[in-house]
Amino acid sequence: MALGPSGLSQRRAAALAATYDSLELRITEISEQENLARIRPDLDGNAIMELLGLEPGPDVGRAWRFLKDLRLERGPLDRDEAEAALREWWNGQG
């Protein structure tokens, strides 16, 4: 069975629609990832070092990532809440 011009056009239109849908989904995913990357923890590296008595190094980075994950999970915290959560996490690191 041969496809006429309208059958070919319908297939092309369907393929283009699927491609556009895929592109729109990918754009949405990238946008969401970029928004998440902009989120900063409630305390910066200097505050973390001061609070935990640390020198610059990998422990500061781990603490920063903990606070960033906490913010993603619970939303913004006030300074006292962030400090308490950080101390509790740090004490559990053993």
PDB file of N, CA and C in Angstrom:
ATOM      1  N   MET A   1       0.848  -1.171   0.000  1.00  0.00           N
ATOM      2  CA  MET A   1       0.000   0.000   0.000  1.00  0.00           C
ATOM      3  C   MET A   1       0.888   1.225   0.000  1.00  0.00           C
ATOM      4  N   ALA A   2       0.742   2.046  -0.988  1.00  0.00           N
ATOM      5  CA  ALA A   2       1.569   3.244  -1.116  1.00  0.00           C
ATOM      6  C   ALA A   2       0.935   4.385  -0.337  1.00  0.00           C
ATOM      7  N   LEU A   3       1.796   5.187   0.240  1.00  0.00           N
ATOM      8  CA  LEU A   3       1.311   6.373   0.942  1.00  0.00           C
ATOM      9  C   LEU A   3       1.193   7.514  -0.042  1.00  0.00           C
ATOM     10  N   GLY A   4       0.096   8.184   0.010  1.00  0.00           N
ATOM     11  CA  GLY A   4      -0.083   9.366  -0.825  1.00  0.00           C
ATOM     12  C   GLY A   4       0.572  10.564  -0.140  1.00  0.00           C
ATOM     13  N   PRO A   5       0.540  11.709  -0.771  1.00  0.00           N
ATOM     14  CA  PRO A   5       1.150  12.902  -0.206  1.00  0.00           C
ATOM     15  C   PRO A   5       0.593  13.259   1.160  1.00  0.00           C
ATOM     16  N   SER A   6      -0.708  13.051   1.380  1.00  0.00           N
ATOM     17  CA  SER A   6      -1.279  13.420   2.673  1.00  0.00           C
ATOM     18  C   SER A   6      -0.814  12.461   3.768  1.00  0.00           C
ATOM     19  N   GLY A   7      -0.640  11.178   3.440  1.00  0.00           N
ATOM     20  CA  GLY A   7      -0.146  10.214   4.426  1.00  0.00           C
ATOM     21  C   GLY A   7       1.273  10.540   4.858  1.00  0.00           C
ATOM     22  N   LEU A   8       2.108  10.924   3.906  1.00  0.00           N
ATOM     23  CA  LEU A   8       3.483  11.288   4.207  1.00  0.00           C
ATOM     24  C   LEU A   8       3.519  12.550   5.061  1.00  0.00           C
ATOM     25  N   SER A   9       2.688  13.513   4.741  1.00  0.00           N
ATOM     26  CA  SER A   9       2.630  14.762   5.502  1.00  0.00           C
ATOM     27  C   SER A   9       2.185  14.510   6.934  1.00  0.00           C
ATOM     28  N   GLN A  10       1.211  13.617   7.107  1.00  0.00           N
ATOM     29  CA  GLN A  10       0.736  13.297   8.453  1.00  0.00           C
ATOM     30  C   GLN A  10       1.835  12.631   9.281  1.00  0.00           C
ATOM     31  N   ARG A  11       2.608  11.750   8.640  1.00  0.00           N
ATOM     32  CA  ARG A  11       3.710  11.092   9.358  1.00  0.00           C
ATOM     33  C   ARG A  11       4.773  12.104   9.751  1.00  0.00           C
ATOM     34  N   ARG A  12       5.099  13.011   8.838  1.00  0.00           N
ATOM     35  CA  ARG A  12       6.095  14.048   9.147  1.00  0.00           C
ATOM     36  C   ARG A  12       5.594  14.955  10.264  1.00  0.00           C
ATOM     37  N   ALA A  13       4.330  15.319  10.207  1.00  0.00           N
ATOM     38  CA  ALA A  13       3.750  16.190  11.238  1.00  0.00           C
ATOM     39  C   ALA A  13       3.781  15.490  12.599  1.00  0.00           C
ATOM     40  N   ALA A  14       3.467  14.201  12.608  1.00  0.00           N
ATOM     41  CA  ALA A  14       3.499  13.449  13.866  1.00  0.00           C
ATOM     42  C   ALA A  14       4.926  13.360  14.400  1.00  0.00           C
ATOM     43  N   ALA A  15       5.889  13.119  13.518  1.00  0.00           N
ATOM     44  CA  ALA A  15       7.290  13.047  13.929  1.00  0.00           C
ATOM     45  C   ALA A  15       7.765  14.389  14.471  1.00  0.00           C
ATOM     46  N   LEU A  16       7.398  15.476  13.801  1.00  0.00           N
ATOM     47  CA  LEU A  16       7.779  16.805  14.281  1.00  0.00           C
ATOM     48  C   LEU A  16       7.131  17.116  15.631  1.00  0.00           C
ATOM     49  N   ALA A  17       5.875  16.751  15.791  1.00  0.00           N
ATOM     50  CA  ALA A  17       5.187  16.988  17.060  1.00  0.00           C
ATOM     51  C   ALA A  17       5.875  16.230  18.190  1.00  0.00           C
ATOM     52  N   ALA A  18       6.260  14.985  17.934  1.00  0.00           N
ATOM     53  CA  ALA A  18       6.959  14.190  18.957  1.00  0.00           C
ATOM     54  C   ALA A  18       8.312  14.821  19.291  1.00  0.00           C
ATOM     55  N   THR A  19       9.011  15.320  18.284  1.00  0.00           N
ATOM     56  CA  THR A  19      10.302  15.975  18.510  1.00  0.00           C
ATOM     57  C   THR A  19      10.120  17.242  19.342  1.00  0.00           C
ATOM     58  N   TYR A  20       9.125  18.040  19.000  1.00  0.00           N
ATOM     59  CA  TYR A  20       8.866  19.259  19.764  1.00  0.00           C
ATOM     60  C   TYR A  20       8.518  18.938  21.211  1.00  0.00           C
ATOM     61  N   ASP A  21       7.677  17.924  21.419  1.00  0.00           N
ATOM     62  CA  ASP A  21       7.318  17.530  22.781  1.00  0.00           C
ATOM     63  C   ASP A  21       8.559  17.118  23.566  1.00  0.00           C
ATOM     64  N   SER A  22       9.427  16.364  22.925  1.00  0.00           N
ATOM     65  CA  SER A  22      10.655  15.924  23.570  1.00  0.00           C
ATOM     66  C   SER A  22      11.549  17.110  23.923  1.00  0.00           C
ATOM     67  N   LEU A  23      11.657  18.059  22.998  1.00  0.00           N
ATOM     68  CA  LEU A  23      12.472  19.251  23.254  1.00  0.00           C
ATOM     69  C   LEU A  23      11.890  20.089  24.389  1.00  0.00           C
ATOM     70  N   GLU A  24      10.590  20.252  24.420  1.00  0.00           N
ATOM     71  CA  GLU A  24       9.957  21.021  25.489  1.00  0.00           C
ATOM     72  C   GLU A  24      10.200  20.369  26.849  1.00  0.00           C
ATOM     73  N   LEU A  25      10.109  19.058  26.910  1.00  0.00           N
ATOM     74  CA  LEU A  25      10.366  18.330  28.155  1.00  0.00           C
ATOM     75  C   LEU A  25      11.808  18.535  28.594  1.00  0.00           C
ATOM     76  N   ARG A  26      12.738  18.427  27.661  1.00  0.00           N
ATOM     77  CA  ARG A  26      14.159  18.590  27.987  1.00  0.00           C
ATOM     78  C   ARG A  26      14.457  20.013  28.454  1.00  0.00           C
ATOM     79  N   ILE A  27      13.855  21.006  27.818  1.00  0.00           N
ATOM     80  CA  ILE A  27      14.039  22.398  28.234  1.00  0.00           C
ATOM     81  C   ILE A  27      13.529  22.593  29.659  1.00  0.00           C
ATOM     82  N   THR A  28      12.392  22.022  29.977  1.00  0.00           N
ATOM     83  CA  THR A  28      11.838  22.114  31.330  1.00  0.00           C
ATOM     84  C   THR A  28      12.782  21.461  32.338  1.00  0.00           C
ATOM     85  N   GLU A  29      13.310  20.282  32.015  1.00  0.00           N
ATOM     86  CA  GLU A  29      14.225  19.587  32.916  1.00  0.00           C
ATOM     87  C   GLU A  29      15.483  20.412  33.167  1.00  0.00           C
ATOM     88  N   ILE A  30      16.059  20.974  32.122  1.00  0.00           N
ATOM     89  CA  ILE A  30      17.277  21.781  32.266  1.00  0.00           C
ATOM     90  C   ILE A  30      16.991  23.031  33.095  1.00  0.00           C
ATOM     91  N   SER A  31      15.864  23.658  32.868  1.00  0.00           N
ATOM     92  CA  SER A  31      15.497  24.852  33.618  1.00  0.00           C
ATOM     93  C   SER A  31      15.373  24.542  35.105  1.00  0.00           C
ATOM     94  N   GLU A  32      14.735  23.420  35.431  1.00  0.00           N
ATOM     95  CA  GLU A  32      14.588  23.027  36.829  1.00  0.00           C
ATOM     96  C   GLU A  32      15.946  22.749  37.460  1.00  0.00           C
ATOM     97  N   GLN A  33      16.853  22.091  36.740  1.00  0.00           N
ATOM     98  CA  GLN A  33      18.191  21.815  37.259  1.00  0.00           C
ATOM     99  C   GLN A  33      18.951  23.108  37.510  1.00  0.00           C
ATOM    100  N   GLU A  34      18.829  24.075  36.604  1.00  0.00           N
ATOM    101  CA  GLU A  34      19.507  25.357  36.792  1.00  0.00           C
ATOM    102  C   GLU A  34      18.959  26.097  37.995  1.00  0.00           C
ATOM    103  N   ASN A  35      17.648  26.047  38.209  1.00  0.00           N
ATOM    104  CA  ASN A  35      17.060  26.696  39.379  1.00  0.00           C
ATOM    105  C   ASN A  35      17.569  26.044  40.658  1.00  0.00           C
ATOM    106  N   LEU A  36      17.675  24.723  40.682  1.00  0.00           N
ATOM    107  CA  LEU A  36      18.196  24.042  41.859  1.00  0.00           C
ATOM    108  C   LEU A  36      19.658  24.401  42.104  1.00  0.00           C
ATOM    109  N   ALA A  37      20.421  24.556  41.048  1.00  0.00           N
ATOM    110  CA  ALA A  37      21.839  24.886  41.192  1.00  0.00           C
ATOM    111  C   ALA A  37      22.027  26.270  41.799  1.00  0.00           C
ATOM    112  N   ARG A  38      21.042  27.149  41.639  1.00  0.00           N
ATOM    113  CA  ARG A  38      21.151  28.502  42.188  1.00  0.00           C
ATOM    114  C   ARG A  38      20.873  28.551  43.687  1.00  0.00           C
ATOM    115  N   ILE A  39      20.261  27.534  44.226  1.00  0.00           N
ATOM    116  CA  ILE A  39      19.913  27.535  45.644  1.00  0.00           C
ATOM    117  C   ILE A  39      21.184  27.459  46.468  1.00  0.00           C
ATOM    118  N   ARG A  40      21.297  28.336  47.422  1.00  0.00           N
ATOM    119  CA  ARG A  40      22.441  28.374  48.309  1.00  0.00           C
ATOM    120  C   ARG A  40      22.015  27.950  49.710  1.00  0.00           C
ATOM    121  N   PRO A  41      22.908  27.307  50.441  1.00  0.00           N
ATOM    122  CA  PRO A  41      22.557  26.963  51.820  1.00  0.00           C
ATOM    123  C   PRO A  41      22.400  28.224  52.668  1.00  0.00           C
ATOM    124  N   ASP A  42      21.825  28.043  53.841  1.00  0.00           N
ATOM    125  CA  ASP A  42      21.536  29.178  54.713  1.00  0.00           C
ATOM    126  C   ASP A  42      22.789  29.759  55.372  1.00  0.00           C
ATOM    127  N   LEU A  43      23.884  29.019  55.405  1.00  0.00           N
ATOM    128  CA  LEU A  43      25.155  29.513  55.943  1.00  0.00           C
ATOM    129  C   LEU A  43      26.214  29.376  54.866  1.00  0.00           C
ATOM    130  N   ASP A  44      27.112  30.344  54.777  1.00  0.00           N
ATOM    131  CA  ASP A  44      28.187  30.237  53.795  1.00  0.00           C
ATOM    132  C   ASP A  44      29.401  29.526  54.411  1.00  0.00           C
ATOM    133  N   GLY A  45      30.420  29.324  53.593  1.00  0.00           N
ATOM    134  CA  GLY A  45      31.610  28.601  54.043  1.00  0.00           C
ATOM    135  C   GLY A  45      32.285  29.229  55.235  1.00  0.00           C
ATOM    136  N   ASN A  46      32.335  30.559  55.280  1.00  0.00           N
ATOM    137  CA  ASN A  46      32.968  31.234  56.420  1.00  0.00           C
ATOM    138  C   ASN A  46      32.201  30.967  57.711  1.00  0.00           C
ATOM    139  N   ALA A  47      30.880  31.044  57.644  1.00  0.00           N
ATOM    140  CA  ALA A  47      30.057  30.780  58.825  1.00  0.00           C
ATOM    141  C   ALA A  47      30.213  29.325  59.270  1.00  0.00           C
ATOM    142  N   ILE A  48      30.293  28.415  58.315  1.00  0.00           N
ATOM    143  CA  ILE A  48      30.471  26.997  58.643  1.00  0.00           C
ATOM    144  C   ILE A  48      31.802  26.790  59.354  1.00  0.00           C
ATOM    145  N   MET A  49      32.881  27.369  58.823  1.00  0.00           N
ATOM    146  CA  MET A  49      34.206  27.205  59.437  1.00  0.00           C
ATOM    147  C   MET A  49      34.222  27.785  60.847  1.00  0.00           C
ATOM    148  N   GLU A  50      33.622  28.963  61.016  1.00  0.00           N
ATOM    149  CA  GLU A  50      33.585  29.597  62.335  1.00  0.00           C
ATOM    150  C   GLU A  50      32.789  28.759  63.323  1.00  0.00           C
ATOM    151  N   LEU A  51      31.635  28.303  62.907  1.00  0.00           N
ATOM    152  CA  LEU A  51      30.748  27.546  63.796  1.00  0.00           C
ATOM    153  C   LEU A  51      31.363  26.212  64.216  1.00  0.00           C
ATOM    154  N   LEU A  52      32.000  25.520  63.267  1.00  0.00           N
ATOM    155  CA  LEU A  52      32.543  24.187  63.557  1.00  0.00           C
ATOM    156  C   LEU A  52      34.030  24.212  63.902  1.00  0.00           C
ATOM    157  N   GLY A  53      34.656  25.369  63.853  1.00  0.00           N
ATOM    158  CA  GLY A  53      36.074  25.468  64.158  1.00  0.00           C
ATOM    159  C   GLY A  53      36.948  24.767  63.131  1.00  0.00           C
ATOM    160  N   LEU A  54      36.584  24.894  61.863  1.00  0.00           N
ATOM    161  CA  LEU A  54      37.301  24.206  60.791  1.00  0.00           C
ATOM    162  C   LEU A  54      38.202  25.155  60.021  1.00  0.00           C
ATOM    163  N   GLU A  55      39.219  24.588  59.414  1.00  0.00           N
ATOM    164  CA  GLU A  55      40.038  25.283  58.426  1.00  0.00           C
ATOM    165  C   GLU A  55      39.453  24.950  57.051  1.00  0.00           C
ATOM    166  N   PRO A  56      39.779  25.747  56.028  1.00  0.00           N
ATOM    167  CA  PRO A  56      39.302  25.403  54.684  1.00  0.00           C
ATOM    168  C   PRO A  56      39.703  23.985  54.305  1.00  0.00           C
ATOM    169  N   GLY A  57      38.798  23.247  53.695  1.00  0.00           N
ATOM    170  CA  GLY A  57      39.085  21.883  53.284  1.00  0.00           C
ATOM    171  C   GLY A  57      37.823  21.115  52.962  1.00  0.00           C
ATOM    172  N   PRO A  58      37.970  19.804  52.761  1.00  0.00           N
ATOM    173  CA  PRO A  58      36.829  18.986  52.326  1.00  0.00           C
ATOM    174  C   PRO A  58      35.690  18.921  53.344  1.00  0.00           C
ATOM    175  N   ASP A  59      35.986  19.041  54.629  1.00  0.00           N
ATOM    176  CA  ASP A  59      34.904  19.002  55.623  1.00  0.00           C
ATOM    177  C   ASP A  59      33.963  20.189  55.466  1.00  0.00           C
ATOM    178  N   VAL A  60      34.508  21.335  55.097  1.00  0.00           N
ATOM    179  CA  VAL A  60      33.668  22.512  54.867  1.00  0.00           C
ATOM    180  C   VAL A  60      32.737  22.245  53.680  1.00  0.00           C
ATOM    181  N   GLY A  61      33.266  21.639  52.641  1.00  0.00           N
ATOM    182  CA  GLY A  61      32.447  21.298  51.478  1.00  0.00           C
ATOM    183  C   GLY A  61      31.355  20.306  51.820  1.00  0.00           C
ATOM    184  N   ARG A  62      31.687  19.316  52.637  1.00  0.00           N
ATOM    185  CA  ARG A  62      30.666  18.333  53.039  1.00  0.00           C
ATOM    186  C   ARG A  62      29.570  19.010  53.863  1.00  0.00           C
ATOM    187  N   ALA A  63      29.961  19.895  54.764  1.00  0.00           N
ATOM    188  CA  ALA A  63      28.987  20.611  55.590  1.00  0.00           C
ATOM    189  C   ALA A  63      28.113  21.512  54.719  1.00  0.00           C
ATOM    190  N   TRP A  64      28.729  22.177  53.739  1.00  0.00           N
ATOM    191  CA  TRP A  64      27.991  23.049  52.830  1.00  0.00           C
ATOM    192  C   TRP A  64      26.958  22.248  52.046  1.00  0.00           C
ATOM    193  N   ARG A  65      27.369  21.073  51.544  1.00  0.00           N
ATOM    194  CA  ARG A  65      26.429  20.215  50.793  1.00  0.00           C
ATOM    195  C   ARG A  65      25.294  19.734  51.692  1.00  0.00           C
ATOM    196  N   PHE A  66      25.622  19.406  52.959  1.00  0.00           N
ATOM    197  CA  PHE A  66      24.574  19.007  53.898  1.00  0.00           C
ATOM    198  C   PHE A  66      23.538  20.125  54.028  1.00  0.00           C
ATOM    199  N   LEU A  67      24.022  21.360  54.233  1.00  0.00           N
ATOM    200  CA  LEU A  67      23.096  22.485  54.391  1.00  0.00           C
ATOM    201  C   LEU A  67      22.305  22.758  53.114  1.00  0.00           C
ATOM    202  N   LYS A  68      22.926  22.582  51.968  1.00  0.00           N
ATOM    203  CA  LYS A  68      22.209  22.777  50.705  1.00  0.00           C
ATOM    204  C   LYS A  68      21.107  21.738  50.567  1.00  0.00           C
ATOM    205  N   ASP A  69      21.431  20.477  50.846  1.00  0.00           N
ATOM    206  CA  ASP A  69      20.413  19.420  50.779  1.00  0.00           C
ATOM    207  C   ASP A  69      19.286  19.682  51.775  1.00  0.00           C
ATOM    208  N   LEU A  70      19.645  20.160  52.959  1.00  0.00           N
ATOM    209  CA  LEU A  70      18.644  20.468  53.978  1.00  0.00           C
ATOM    210  C   LEU A  70      17.712  21.582  53.492  1.00  0.00           C
ATOM    211  N   ARG A  71      18.287  22.568  52.845  1.00  0.00           N
ATOM    212  CA  ARG A  71      17.454  23.666  52.321  1.00  0.00           C
ATOM    213  C   ARG A  71      16.519  23.172  51.231  1.00  0.00           C
ATOM    214  N   LEU A  72      17.007  22.295  50.367  1.00  0.00           N
ATOM    215  CA  LEU A  72      16.147  21.736  49.322  1.00  0.00           C
ATOM    216  C   LEU A  72      15.014  20.924  49.931  1.00  0.00           C
ATOM    217  N   GLU A  73      15.303  20.258  51.031  1.00  0.00           N
ATOM    218  CA  GLU A  73      14.322  19.399  51.684  1.00  0.00           C
ATOM    219  C   GLU A  73      13.308  20.206  52.504  1.00  0.00           C
ATOM    220  N   ARG A  74      13.799  21.195  53.263  1.00  0.00           N
ATOM    221  CA  ARG A  74      12.936  21.894  54.221  1.00  0.00           C
ATOM    222  C   ARG A  74      12.649  23.342  53.876  1.00  0.00           C
ATOM    223  N   GLY A  75      13.327  23.886  52.869  1.00  0.00           N
ATOM    224  CA  GLY A  75      13.155  25.299  52.551  1.00  0.00           C
ATOM    225  C   GLY A  75      14.111  26.137  53.377  1.00  0.00           C
ATOM    226  N   PRO A  76      14.012  27.459  53.239  1.00  0.00           N
ATOM    227  CA  PRO A  76      14.918  28.340  53.969  1.00  0.00           C
ATOM    228  C   PRO A  76      14.750  28.199  55.483  1.00  0.00           C
ATOM    229  N   LEU A  77      15.877  28.261  56.176  1.00  0.00           N
ATOM    230  CA  LEU A  77      15.884  28.197  57.634  1.00  0.00           C
ATOM    231  C   LEU A  77      16.424  29.510  58.173  1.00  0.00           C
ATOM    232  N   ASP A  78      15.999  29.884  59.382  1.00  0.00           N
ATOM    233  CA  ASP A  78      16.654  31.052  59.971  1.00  0.00           C
ATOM    234  C   ASP A  78      18.027  30.615  60.488  1.00  0.00           C
ATOM    235  N   ARG A  79      18.849  31.561  60.837  1.00  0.00           N
ATOM    236  CA  ARG A  79      20.239  31.268  61.180  1.00  0.00           C
ATOM    237  C   ARG A  79      20.335  30.290  62.357  1.00  0.00           C
ATOM    238  N   ASP A  80      19.525  30.486  63.379  1.00  0.00           N
ATOM    239  CA  ASP A  80      19.581  29.598  64.549  1.00  0.00           C
ATOM    240  C   ASP A  80      19.240  28.155  64.169  1.00  0.00           C
ATOM    241  N   GLU A  81      18.212  27.982  63.338  1.00  0.00           N
ATOM    242  CA  GLU A  81      17.832  26.632  62.902  1.00  0.00           C
ATOM    243  C   GLU A  81      18.938  25.992  62.070  1.00  0.00           C
ATOM    244  N   ALA A  82      19.517  26.764  61.167  1.00  0.00           N
ATOM    245  CA  ALA A  82      20.590  26.240  60.316  1.00  0.00           C
ATOM    246  C   ALA A  82      21.802  25.847  61.154  1.00  0.00           C
ATOM    247  N   GLU A  83      22.154  26.690  62.116  1.00  0.00           N
ATOM    248  CA  GLU A  83      23.303  26.377  62.977  1.00  0.00           C
ATOM    249  C   GLU A  83      23.039  25.133  63.811  1.00  0.00           C
ATOM    250  N   ALA A  84      21.841  25.015  64.378  1.00  0.00           N
ATOM    251  CA  ALA A  84      21.505  23.841  65.191  1.00  0.00           C
ATOM    252  C   ALA A  84      21.547  22.566  64.350  1.00  0.00           C
ATOM    253  N   ALA A  85      20.998  22.625  63.145  1.00  0.00           N
ATOM    254  CA  ALA A  85      20.991  21.452  62.265  1.00  0.00           C
ATOM    255  C   ALA A  85      22.421  21.080  61.876  1.00  0.00           C
ATOM    256  N   LEU A  86      23.239  22.080  61.594  1.00  0.00           N
ATOM    257  CA  LEU A  86      24.631  21.816  61.219  1.00  0.00           C
ATOM    258  C   LEU A  86      25.402  21.195  62.373  1.00  0.00           C
ATOM    259  N   ARG A  87      25.235  21.730  63.573  1.00  0.00           N
ATOM    260  CA  ARG A  87      25.926  21.152  64.751  1.00  0.00           C
ATOM    261  C   ARG A  87      25.498  19.703  64.967  1.00  0.00           C
ATOM    262  N   GLU A  88      24.199  19.448  64.873  1.00  0.00           N
ATOM    263  CA  GLU A  88      23.693  18.089  65.078  1.00  0.00           C
ATOM    264  C   GLU A  88      24.286  17.139  64.019  1.00  0.00           C
ATOM    265  N   TRP A  89      24.284  17.581  62.771  1.00  0.00           N
ATOM    266  CA  TRP A  89      24.864  16.755  61.688  1.00  0.00           C
ATOM    267  C   TRP A  89      26.346  16.518  61.940  1.00  0.00           C
ATOM    268  N   TRP A  90      27.073  17.569  62.303  1.00  0.00           N
ATOM    269  CA  TRP A  90      28.522  17.468  62.496  1.00  0.00           C
ATOM    270  C   TRP A  90      28.843  16.512  63.648  1.00  0.00           C
ATOM    271  N   ASN A  91      28.082  16.605  64.738  1.00  0.00           N
ATOM    272  CA  ASN A  91      28.313  15.712  65.880  1.00  0.00           C
ATOM    273  C   ASN A  91      28.048  14.261  65.515  1.00  0.00           C
ATOM    274  N   GLY A  92      27.164  14.025  64.582  1.00  0.00           N
ATOM    275  CA  GLY A  92      26.865  12.673  64.132  1.00  0.00           C
ATOM    276  C   GLY A  92      27.882  12.125  63.144  1.00  0.00           C
ATOM    277  N   GLN A  93      28.800  12.961  62.672  1.00  0.00           N
ATOM    278  CA  GLN A  93      29.810  12.523  61.713  1.00  0.00           C
ATOM    279  C   GLN A  93      30.923  11.734  62.368  1.00  0.00           C
ATOM    280  N   GLY A  94      31.024  11.850  63.692  1.00  0.00           N
ATOM    281  CA  GLY A  94      31.923  11.067  64.505  1.00  0.00           C
ATOM    282  C   GLY A  94      33.350  11.097  64.231  1.00  0.00           C
TER     283      GLY A  94
END
